[in-house]
Each structure stands twice: as C-alpha cells, then as structure tokens.
Amino acid sequence: MLVLATDTLGRLAFAPLQIPAGIVIALVGCPFFVVLLWRRRDAL
C-alpha cells in the first residue's frame, strides 16, 4: 500500500512531471526512521 500511495502521489504532485516512487518513499521514510532512532536513543 505504501508503494501504491507514493507512486500515486509522485504522479499527481507535479502533474506533467513524474517523481519516482523511491524518492517519495525516501522523503516519507527518512523522517519516520529519524524519529524512531531519536526515541530509541532516549529510551537507553
């Protein structure tokens, strides 16, 4: 579902251009993992 959503977002964000799904996943996933790492560091 994540790949489908990011592919759709990449196609619709800038209508004539297409952003690859991998780039959109990276933009969404990177902050998510940074927050996870930050919380894990605080738990130690």
Protein backbone atom coordinates (compact mmCIF):
# COMPACT_ATOMS: atom_id res chain seq x y z
CA MET A 1 0.00 0.00 0.00
CA LEU A 2 2.87 2.37 0.75
CA VAL A 3 4.35 1.96 -2.73
CA LEU A 4 0.96 2.43 -4.37
CA ALA A 5 0.28 5.59 -2.36
CA THR A 6 3.72 7.07 -3.02
CA ASP A 7 3.53 6.23 -6.72
CA THR A 8 0.16 7.97 -6.98
CA LEU A 9 1.46 10.95 -5.02
CA GLY A 10 4.53 11.14 -7.24
CA ARG A 11 2.38 11.17 -10.36
CA LEU A 12 -0.11 13.75 -9.10
CA ALA A 13 2.16 16.13 -7.16
CA PHE A 14 3.54 17.91 -10.24
CA ALA A 15 1.10 16.95 -12.99
CA PRO A 16 3.26 16.99 -16.14
CA LEU A 17 6.29 15.57 -14.29
CA GLN A 18 6.55 12.22 -12.55
CA ILE A 19 8.56 11.82 -9.37
CA PRO A 20 9.84 8.25 -8.89
CA ALA A 21 8.16 6.34 -6.07
CA GLY A 22 11.54 5.64 -4.44
CA ILE A 23 12.18 9.34 -3.94
CA VAL A 24 8.76 9.89 -2.38
CA ILE A 25 9.26 6.84 -0.12
CA ALA A 26 12.63 8.25 0.96
CA LEU A 27 11.07 11.64 1.75
CA VAL A 28 8.38 9.97 3.85
CA GLY A 29 10.50 7.21 5.39
CA CYS A 30 13.59 9.16 6.39
CA PRO A 31 11.86 11.42 8.95
CA PHE A 32 9.97 8.39 10.28
CA PHE A 33 13.17 6.46 10.96
CA VAL A 34 14.89 9.52 12.43
CA VAL A 35 12.04 9.83 14.95
CA LEU A 36 12.30 6.11 15.74
CA LEU A 37 16.04 6.39 16.31
CA TRP A 38 15.59 9.51 18.42
CA ARG A 39 13.05 7.78 20.66
CA ARG A 40 15.25 4.69 20.93
CA ARG A 41 18.21 6.83 21.99
CA ASP A 42 16.12 8.48 24.70
CA ALA A 43 14.99 5.06 26.00
CA LEU A 44 18.59 3.94 26.56
